Amino acid sequence: MKAADRGRLDLDSQECKGCGLCVEACPPKVLQLASYLNRYGYHPVTYRGEGCTGCGICFFACPEPGAIVVWRMKPEAARPLAA
């Protein structure tokens, strides 16, 4: 069983220039460059779907302001509800 995400990412594919700095910087390796192109002709970053720790390293590695926003989740929000 994988641990619940501790962070949430807001990725703006139109701001991303596809440099890949965030992909390389991400410790849990949950980012990848998309196979499609954005309106500027770049492959934007996408989230693989699970595993974000909310560390924010991708945000600090990104040279484009507004391309990545990292939200840290409260611990109780990250835990599944009791059945």
PDB file of N, CA and C in Angstrom:
ATOM      1  N   MET A   1       0.845  -1.185   0.000  1.00  0.00           N
ATOM      2  CA  MET A   1       0.000   0.000   0.000  1.00  0.00           C
ATOM      3  C   MET A   1       0.885   1.241   0.000  1.00  0.00           C
ATOM      4  N   LYS A   2       0.664   2.132  -0.952  1.00  0.00           N
ATOM      5  CA  LYS A   2       1.441   3.355  -1.044  1.00  0.00           C
ATOM      6  C   LYS A   2       0.929   4.372  -0.041  1.00  0.00           C
ATOM      7  N   ALA A   3       1.839   5.228   0.410  1.00  0.00           N
ATOM      8  CA  ALA A   3       1.455   6.301   1.315  1.00  0.00           C
ATOM      9  C   ALA A   3       0.632   7.329   0.549  1.00  0.00           C
ATOM     10  N   ALA A   4      -0.283   7.972   1.243  1.00  0.00           N
ATOM     11  CA  ALA A   4      -1.122   8.997   0.619  1.00  0.00           C
ATOM     12  C   ALA A   4      -0.270  10.211   0.260  1.00  0.00           C
ATOM     13  N   ASP A   5      -0.680  10.922  -0.777  1.00  0.00           N
ATOM     14  CA  ASP A   5       0.023  12.139  -1.167  1.00  0.00           C
ATOM     15  C   ASP A   5       0.009  13.139  -0.017  1.00  0.00           C
ATOM     16  N   ARG A   6       1.133  13.805   0.183  1.00  0.00           N
ATOM     17  CA  ARG A   6       1.219  14.846   1.205  1.00  0.00           C
ATOM     18  C   ARG A   6       1.215  16.230   0.574  1.00  0.00           C
ATOM     19  N   GLY A   7       1.142  16.265  -0.747  1.00  0.00           N
ATOM     20  CA  GLY A   7       1.111  17.534  -1.462  1.00  0.00           C
ATOM     21  C   GLY A   7       0.238  17.433  -2.691  1.00  0.00           C
ATOM     22  N   ARG A   8      -0.107  18.596  -3.208  1.00  0.00           N
ATOM     23  CA  ARG A   8      -0.897  18.675  -4.440  1.00  0.00           C
ATOM     24  C   ARG A   8      -0.239  19.704  -5.342  1.00  0.00           C
ATOM     25  N   LEU A   9      -0.184  19.414  -6.622  1.00  0.00           N
ATOM     26  CA  LEU A   9       0.465  20.300  -7.577  1.00  0.00           C
ATOM     27  C   LEU A   9      -0.559  20.953  -8.493  1.00  0.00           C
ATOM     28  N   ASP A  10      -0.384  22.233  -8.743  1.00  0.00           N
ATOM     29  CA  ASP A  10      -1.110  22.933  -9.789  1.00  0.00           C
ATOM     30  C   ASP A  10      -0.074  23.259 -10.855  1.00  0.00           C
ATOM     31  N   LEU A  11      -0.200  22.619 -12.009  1.00  0.00           N
ATOM     32  CA  LEU A  11       0.755  22.800 -13.098  1.00  0.00           C
ATOM     33  C   LEU A  11       0.074  23.559 -14.230  1.00  0.00           C
ATOM     34  N   ASP A  12       0.680  24.651 -14.658  1.00  0.00           N
ATOM     35  CA  ASP A  12       0.135  25.443 -15.763  1.00  0.00           C
ATOM     36  C   ASP A  12       0.902  25.069 -17.028  1.00  0.00           C
ATOM     37  N   SER A  13       0.300  24.240 -17.862  1.00  0.00           N
ATOM     38  CA  SER A  13       0.988  23.735 -19.046  1.00  0.00           C
ATOM     39  C   SER A  13       1.294  24.840 -20.055  1.00  0.00           C
ATOM     40  N   GLN A  14       0.579  25.950 -20.001  1.00  0.00           N
ATOM     41  CA  GLN A  14       0.842  27.035 -20.940  1.00  0.00           C
ATOM     42  C   GLN A  14       2.001  27.914 -20.493  1.00  0.00           C
ATOM     43  N   GLU A  15       2.342  27.884 -19.223  1.00  0.00           N
ATOM     44  CA  GLU A  15       3.497  28.629 -18.716  1.00  0.00           C
ATOM     45  C   GLU A  15       4.785  27.816 -18.813  1.00  0.00           C
ATOM     46  N   CYS A  16       4.665  26.496 -18.822  1.00  0.00           N
ATOM     47  CA  CYS A  16       5.824  25.607 -18.821  1.00  0.00           C
ATOM     48  C   CYS A  16       6.556  25.675 -20.159  1.00  0.00           C
ATOM     49  N   LYS A  17       7.877  25.764 -20.107  1.00  0.00           N
ATOM     50  CA  LYS A  17       8.706  25.796 -21.309  1.00  0.00           C
ATOM     51  C   LYS A  17       9.416  24.478 -21.564  1.00  0.00           C
ATOM     52  N   GLY A  18       9.083  23.429 -20.796  1.00  0.00           N
ATOM     53  CA  GLY A  18       9.610  22.097 -21.056  1.00  0.00           C
ATOM     54  C   GLY A  18      11.092  21.921 -20.801  1.00  0.00           C
ATOM     55  N   CYS A  19      11.670  22.699 -19.918  1.00  0.00           N
ATOM     56  CA  CYS A  19      13.117  22.592 -19.671  1.00  0.00           C
ATOM     57  C   CYS A  19      13.486  21.318 -18.915  1.00  0.00           C
ATOM     58  N   GLY A  20      12.546  20.774 -18.132  1.00  0.00           N
ATOM     59  CA  GLY A  20      12.792  19.536 -17.406  1.00  0.00           C
ATOM     60  C   GLY A  20      13.531  19.686 -16.094  1.00  0.00           C
ATOM     61  N   LEU A  21      13.810  20.906 -15.662  1.00  0.00           N
ATOM     62  CA  LEU A  21      14.515  21.097 -14.390  1.00  0.00           C
ATOM     63  C   LEU A  21      13.719  20.549 -13.213  1.00  0.00           C
ATOM     64  N   CYS A  22      12.414  20.747 -13.225  1.00  0.00           N
ATOM     65  CA  CYS A  22      11.572  20.244 -12.142  1.00  0.00           C
ATOM     66  C   CYS A  22      11.528  18.716 -12.150  1.00  0.00           C
ATOM     67  N   VAL A  23      11.520  18.123 -13.335  1.00  0.00           N
ATOM     68  CA  VAL A  23      11.487  16.661 -13.460  1.00  0.00           C
ATOM     69  C   VAL A  23      12.738  16.058 -12.830  1.00  0.00           C
ATOM     70  N   GLU A  24      13.887  16.643 -13.118  1.00  0.00           N
ATOM     71  CA  GLU A  24      15.149  16.142 -12.564  1.00  0.00           C
ATOM     72  C   GLU A  24      15.262  16.414 -11.067  1.00  0.00           C
ATOM     73  N   ALA A  25      14.683  17.530 -10.596  1.00  0.00           N
ATOM     74  CA  ALA A  25      14.810  17.924  -9.194  1.00  0.00           C
ATOM     75  C   ALA A  25      13.870  17.174  -8.259  1.00  0.00           C
ATOM     76  N   CYS A  26      12.801  16.604  -8.781  1.00  0.00           N
ATOM     77  CA  CYS A  26      11.764  15.975  -7.956  1.00  0.00           C
ATOM     78  C   CYS A  26      12.291  14.709  -7.274  1.00  0.00           C
ATOM     79  N   PRO A  27      12.394  14.698  -5.919  1.00  0.00           N
ATOM     80  CA  PRO A  27      12.911  13.510  -5.224  1.00  0.00           C
ATOM     81  C   PRO A  27      12.074  12.245  -5.435  1.00  0.00           C
ATOM     82  N   PRO A  28      10.723  12.293  -5.356  1.00  0.00           N
ATOM     83  CA  PRO A  28       9.961  11.057  -5.576  1.00  0.00           C
ATOM     84  C   PRO A  28       9.724  10.729  -7.059  1.00  0.00           C
ATOM     85  N   LYS A  29      10.242  11.579  -7.961  1.00  0.00           N
ATOM     86  CA  LYS A  29      10.136  11.343  -9.413  1.00  0.00           C
ATOM     87  C   LYS A  29       8.688  11.162  -9.874  1.00  0.00           C
ATOM     88  N   VAL A  30       7.839  12.116  -9.506  1.00  0.00           N
ATOM     89  CA  VAL A  30       6.418  12.049  -9.885  1.00  0.00           C
ATOM     90  C   VAL A  30       6.062  12.998 -11.025  1.00  0.00           C
ATOM     91  N   LEU A  31       7.062  13.659 -11.602  1.00  0.00           N
ATOM     92  CA  LEU A  31       6.831  14.564 -12.721  1.00  0.00           C
ATOM     93  C   LEU A  31       7.443  13.979 -13.990  1.00  0.00           C
ATOM     94  N   GLN A  32       6.822  14.298 -15.116  1.00  0.00           N
ATOM     95  CA  GLN A  32       7.360  13.872 -16.410  1.00  0.00           C
ATOM     96  C   GLN A  32       6.975  14.911 -17.454  1.00  0.00           C
ATOM     97  N   LEU A  33       7.697  14.917 -18.567  1.00  0.00           N
ATOM     98  CA  LEU A  33       7.335  15.803 -19.666  1.00  0.00           C
ATOM     99  C   LEU A  33       6.272  15.114 -20.506  1.00  0.00           C
ATOM    100  N   ALA A  34       5.266  15.870 -20.904  1.00  0.00           N
ATOM    101  CA  ALA A  34       4.132  15.332 -21.658  1.00  0.00           C
ATOM    102  C   ALA A  34       4.542  14.979 -23.086  1.00  0.00           C
ATOM    103  N   SER A  35       3.771  14.114 -23.701  1.00  0.00           N
ATOM    104  CA  SER A  35       4.016  13.756 -25.096  1.00  0.00           C
ATOM    105  C   SER A  35       3.412  14.789 -26.051  1.00  0.00           C
ATOM    106  N   TYR A  36       2.466  15.609 -25.560  1.00  0.00           N
ATOM    107  CA  TYR A  36       1.837  16.635 -26.390  1.00  0.00           C
ATOM    108  C   TYR A  36       2.578  17.960 -26.257  1.00  0.00           C
ATOM    109  N   LEU A  37       2.294  18.892 -27.144  1.00  0.00           N
ATOM    110  CA  LEU A  37       2.907  20.216 -27.131  1.00  0.00           C
ATOM    111  C   LEU A  37       1.907  21.253 -26.641  1.00  0.00           C
ATOM    112  N   ASN A  38       2.407  22.258 -25.918  1.00  0.00           N
ATOM    113  CA  ASN A  38       1.540  23.369 -25.517  1.00  0.00           C
ATOM    114  C   ASN A  38       1.506  24.397 -26.655  1.00  0.00           C
ATOM    115  N   ARG A  39       0.853  25.510 -26.440  1.00  0.00           N
ATOM    116  CA  ARG A  39       0.664  26.489 -27.524  1.00  0.00           C
ATOM    117  C   ARG A  39       1.971  27.123 -27.996  1.00  0.00           C
ATOM    118  N   TYR A  40       3.030  27.003 -27.193  1.00  0.00           N
ATOM    119  CA  TYR A  40       4.333  27.549 -27.578  1.00  0.00           C
ATOM    120  C   TYR A  40       5.224  26.507 -28.258  1.00  0.00           C
ATOM    121  N   GLY A  41       4.734  25.268 -28.335  1.00  0.00           N
ATOM    122  CA  GLY A  41       5.506  24.210 -28.978  1.00  0.00           C
ATOM    123  C   GLY A  41       6.440  23.456 -28.050  1.00  0.00           C
ATOM    124  N   TYR A  42       6.203  23.543 -26.739  1.00  0.00           N
ATOM    125  CA  TYR A  42       7.018  22.840 -25.742  1.00  0.00           C
ATOM    126  C   TYR A  42       6.245  21.654 -25.176  1.00  0.00           C
ATOM    127  N   HIS A  43       6.977  20.667 -24.712  1.00  0.00           N
ATOM    128  CA  HIS A  43       6.383  19.540 -23.989  1.00  0.00           C
ATOM    129  C   HIS A  43       6.289  19.953 -22.516  1.00  0.00           C
ATOM    130  N   PRO A  44       5.095  20.256 -22.009  1.00  0.00           N
ATOM    131  CA  PRO A  44       4.974  20.729 -20.625  1.00  0.00           C
ATOM    132  C   PRO A  44       5.090  19.582 -19.621  1.00  0.00           C
ATOM    133  N   VAL A  45       5.337  19.954 -18.387  1.00  0.00           N
ATOM    134  CA  VAL A  45       5.432  18.971 -17.311  1.00  0.00           C
ATOM    135  C   VAL A  45       4.037  18.484 -16.932  1.00  0.00           C
ATOM    136  N   THR A  46       3.948  17.213 -16.550  1.00  0.00           N
ATOM    137  CA  THR A  46       2.702  16.630 -16.063  1.00  0.00           C
ATOM    138  C   THR A  46       2.995  15.820 -14.804  1.00  0.00           C
ATOM    139  N   TYR A  47       1.958  15.632 -14.015  1.00  0.00           N
ATOM    140  CA  TYR A  47       2.048  14.862 -12.776  1.00  0.00           C
ATOM    141  C   TYR A  47       1.680  13.414 -13.079  1.00  0.00           C
ATOM    142  N   ARG A  48       2.445  12.480 -12.561  1.00  0.00           N
ATOM    143  CA  ARG A  48       2.197  11.059 -12.833  1.00  0.00           C
ATOM    144  C   ARG A  48       0.943  10.531 -12.127  1.00  0.00           C
ATOM    145  N   GLY A  49       0.440  11.256 -11.131  1.00  0.00           N
ATOM    146  CA  GLY A  49      -0.821  10.871 -10.527  1.00  0.00           C
ATOM    147  C   GLY A  49      -0.789  10.533  -9.054  1.00  0.00           C
ATOM    148  N   GLU A  50       0.355  10.156  -8.526  1.00  0.00           N
ATOM    149  CA  GLU A  50       0.443   9.879  -7.090  1.00  0.00           C
ATOM    150  C   GLU A  50       1.888   9.939  -6.638  1.00  0.00           C
ATOM    151  N   GLY A  51       2.073  10.173  -5.338  1.00  0.00           N
ATOM    152  CA  GLY A  51       3.404  10.153  -4.761  1.00  0.00           C
ATOM    153  C   GLY A  51       3.992  11.500  -4.387  1.00  0.00           C
ATOM    154  N   CYS A  52       3.263  12.600  -4.596  1.00  0.00           N
ATOM    155  CA  CYS A  52       3.788  13.921  -4.262  1.00  0.00           C
ATOM    156  C   CYS A  52       3.957  14.053  -2.755  1.00  0.00           C
ATOM    157  N   THR A  53       5.139  14.493  -2.339  1.00  0.00           N
ATOM    158  CA  THR A  53       5.409  14.690  -0.917  1.00  0.00           C
ATOM    159  C   THR A  53       5.181  16.133  -0.477  1.00  0.00           C
ATOM    160  N   GLY A  54       4.951  17.027  -1.430  1.00  0.00           N
ATOM    161  CA  GLY A  54       4.736  18.431  -1.085  1.00  0.00           C
ATOM    162  C   GLY A  54       5.999  19.161  -0.692  1.00  0.00           C
ATOM    163  N   CYS A  55       7.161  18.643  -1.071  1.00  0.00           N
ATOM    164  CA  CYS A  55       8.437  19.241  -0.649  1.00  0.00           C
ATOM    165  C   CYS A  55       8.689  20.607  -1.288  1.00  0.00           C
ATOM    166  N   GLY A  56       8.165  20.839  -2.498  1.00  0.00           N
ATOM    167  CA  GLY A  56       8.318  22.128  -3.154  1.00  0.00           C
ATOM    168  C   GLY A  56       9.604  22.315  -3.934  1.00  0.00           C
ATOM    169  N   ILE A  57      10.428  21.294  -4.039  1.00  0.00           N
ATOM    170  CA  ILE A  57      11.690  21.427  -4.759  1.00  0.00           C
ATOM    171  C   ILE A  57      11.438  21.732  -6.236  1.00  0.00           C
ATOM    172  N   CYS A  58      10.394  21.154  -6.812  1.00  0.00           N
ATOM    173  CA  CYS A  58      10.056  21.430  -8.212  1.00  0.00           C
ATOM    174  C   CYS A  58       9.750  22.909  -8.408  1.00  0.00           C
ATOM    175  N   PHE A  59       9.053  23.505  -7.455  1.00  0.00           N
ATOM    176  CA  PHE A  59       8.710  24.926  -7.521  1.00  0.00           C
ATOM    177  C   PHE A  59       9.969  25.786  -7.559  1.00  0.00           C
ATOM    178  N   PHE A  60      10.930  25.474  -6.689  1.00  0.00           N
ATOM    179  CA  PHE A  60      12.159  26.264  -6.620  1.00  0.00           C
ATOM    180  C   PHE A  60      13.078  26.013  -7.811  1.00  0.00           C
ATOM    181  N   ALA A  61      12.999  24.851  -8.422  1.00  0.00           N
ATOM    182  CA  ALA A  61      13.828  24.544  -9.593  1.00  0.00           C
ATOM    183  C   ALA A  61      13.285  25.191 -10.861  1.00  0.00           C
ATOM    184  N   CYS A  62      12.000  25.496 -10.886  1.00  0.00           N
ATOM    185  CA  CYS A  62      11.346  26.007 -12.096  1.00  0.00           C
ATOM    186  C   CYS A  62      11.692  27.476 -12.339  1.00  0.00           C
ATOM    187  N   PRO A  63      12.198  27.805 -13.543  1.00  0.00           N
ATOM    188  CA  PRO A  63      12.518  29.203 -13.848  1.00  0.00           C
ATOM    189  C   PRO A  63      11.304  30.034 -14.288  1.00  0.00           C
ATOM    190  N   GLU A  64      10.160  29.395 -14.508  1.00  0.00           N
ATOM    191  CA  GLU A  64       8.966  30.105 -14.976  1.00  0.00           C
ATOM    192  C   GLU A  64       8.035  30.442 -13.812  1.00  0.00           C
ATOM    193  N   PRO A  65       7.853  31.716 -13.505  1.00  0.00           N
ATOM    194  CA  PRO A  65       6.938  32.071 -12.418  1.00  0.00           C
ATOM    195  C   PRO A  65       5.509  31.678 -12.771  1.00  0.00           C
ATOM    196  N   GLY A  66       4.873  30.987 -11.867  1.00  0.00           N
ATOM    197  CA  GLY A  66       3.479  30.596 -12.067  1.00  0.00           C
ATOM    198  C   GLY A  66       3.269  29.274 -12.764  1.00  0.00           C
ATOM    199  N   ALA A  67       4.329  28.601 -13.204  1.00  0.00           N
ATOM    200  CA  ALA A  67       4.155  27.315 -13.888  1.00  0.00           C
ATOM    201  C   ALA A  67       3.838  26.201 -12.903  1.00  0.00           C
ATOM    202  N   ILE A  68       4.385  26.280 -11.693  1.00  0.00           N
ATOM    203  CA  ILE A  68       4.171  25.237 -10.681  1.00  0.00           C
ATOM    204  C   ILE A  68       3.778  25.889  -9.362  1.00  0.00           C
ATOM    205  N   VAL A  69       2.703  25.396  -8.774  1.00  0.00           N
ATOM    206  CA  VAL A  69       2.304  25.785  -7.421  1.00  0.00           C
ATOM    207  C   VAL A  69       2.168  24.496  -6.630  1.00  0.00           C
ATOM    208  N   VAL A  70       2.803  24.461  -5.452  1.00  0.00           N
ATOM    209  CA  VAL A  70       2.764  23.273  -4.596  1.00  0.00           C
ATOM    210  C   VAL A  70       1.936  23.594  -3.362  1.00  0.00           C
ATOM    211  N   TRP A  71       0.980  22.738  -3.088  1.00  0.00           N
ATOM    212  CA  TRP A  71       0.126  22.876  -1.908  1.00  0.00           C
ATOM    213  C   TRP A  71       0.446  21.731  -0.951  1.00  0.00           C
ATOM    214  N   ARG A  72       0.795  22.070   0.290  1.00  0.00           N
ATOM    215  CA  ARG A  72       1.021  21.050   1.312  1.00  0.00           C
ATOM    216  C   ARG A  72      -0.312  20.700   1.941  1.00  0.00           C
ATOM    217  N   MET A  73      -0.577  19.404   2.074  1.00  0.00           N
ATOM    218  CA  MET A  73      -1.829  18.954   2.652  1.00  0.00           C
ATOM    219  C   MET A  73      -1.668  18.759   4.156  1.00  0.00           C
ATOM    220  N   LYS A  74      -2.707  19.070   4.897  1.00  0.00           N
ATOM    221  CA  LYS A  74      -2.689  18.804   6.327  1.00  0.00           C
ATOM    222  C   LYS A  74      -2.656  17.288   6.533  1.00  0.00           C
ATOM    223  N   PRO A  75      -1.968  16.812   7.550  1.00  0.00           N
ATOM    224  CA  PRO A  75      -1.872  15.366   7.752  1.00  0.00           C
ATOM    225  C   PRO A  75      -3.216  14.650   7.823  1.00  0.00           C
ATOM    226  N   GLU A  76      -4.202  15.265   8.450  1.00  0.00           N
ATOM    227  CA  GLU A  76      -5.508  14.604   8.550  1.00  0.00           C
ATOM    228  C   GLU A  76      -6.201  14.550   7.183  1.00  0.00           C
ATOM    229  N   ALA A  77      -5.889  15.488   6.283  1.00  0.00           N
ATOM    230  CA  ALA A  77      -6.474  15.474   4.958  1.00  0.00           C
ATOM    231  C   ALA A  77      -5.828  14.398   4.080  1.00  0.00           C
ATOM    232  N   ALA A  78      -4.604  14.015   4.410  1.00  0.00           N
ATOM    233  CA  ALA A  78      -3.896  13.030   3.607  1.00  0.00           C
ATOM    234  C   ALA A  78      -4.261  11.597   4.005  1.00  0.00           C
ATOM    235  N   ARG A  79      -4.781  11.415   5.223  1.00  0.00           N
ATOM    236  CA  ARG A  79      -5.143  10.072   5.679  1.00  0.00           C
ATOM    237  C   ARG A  79      -6.503   9.654   5.133  1.00  0.00           C
ATOM    238  N   PRO A  80      -6.654   8.392   4.764  1.00  0.00           N
ATOM    239  CA  PRO A  80      -7.971   7.932   4.329  1.00  0.00           C
ATOM    240  C   PRO A  80      -8.936   7.908   5.516  1.00  0.00           C
ATOM    241  N   LEU A  81     -10.200   8.098   5.226  1.00  0.00           N
ATOM    242  CA  LEU A  81     -11.220   8.056   6.271  1.00  0.00           C
ATOM    243  C   LEU A  81     -11.392   6.634   6.796  1.00  0.00           C
ATOM    244  N   ALA A  82     -11.666   6.510   8.078  1.00  0.00           N
ATOM    245  CA  ALA A  82     -11.898   5.192   8.687  1.00  0.00           C
ATOM    246  C   ALA A  82     -13.192   4.605   8.132  1.00  0.00           C
ATOM    247  N   ALA A  83     -13.179   3.316   7.906  1.00  0.00           N
ATOM    248  CA  ALA A  83     -14.362   2.657   7.347  1.00  0.00           C
ATOM    249  C   ALA A  83     -15.367   2.301   8.406  1.00  0.00           C
TER     250      ALA A  83
END
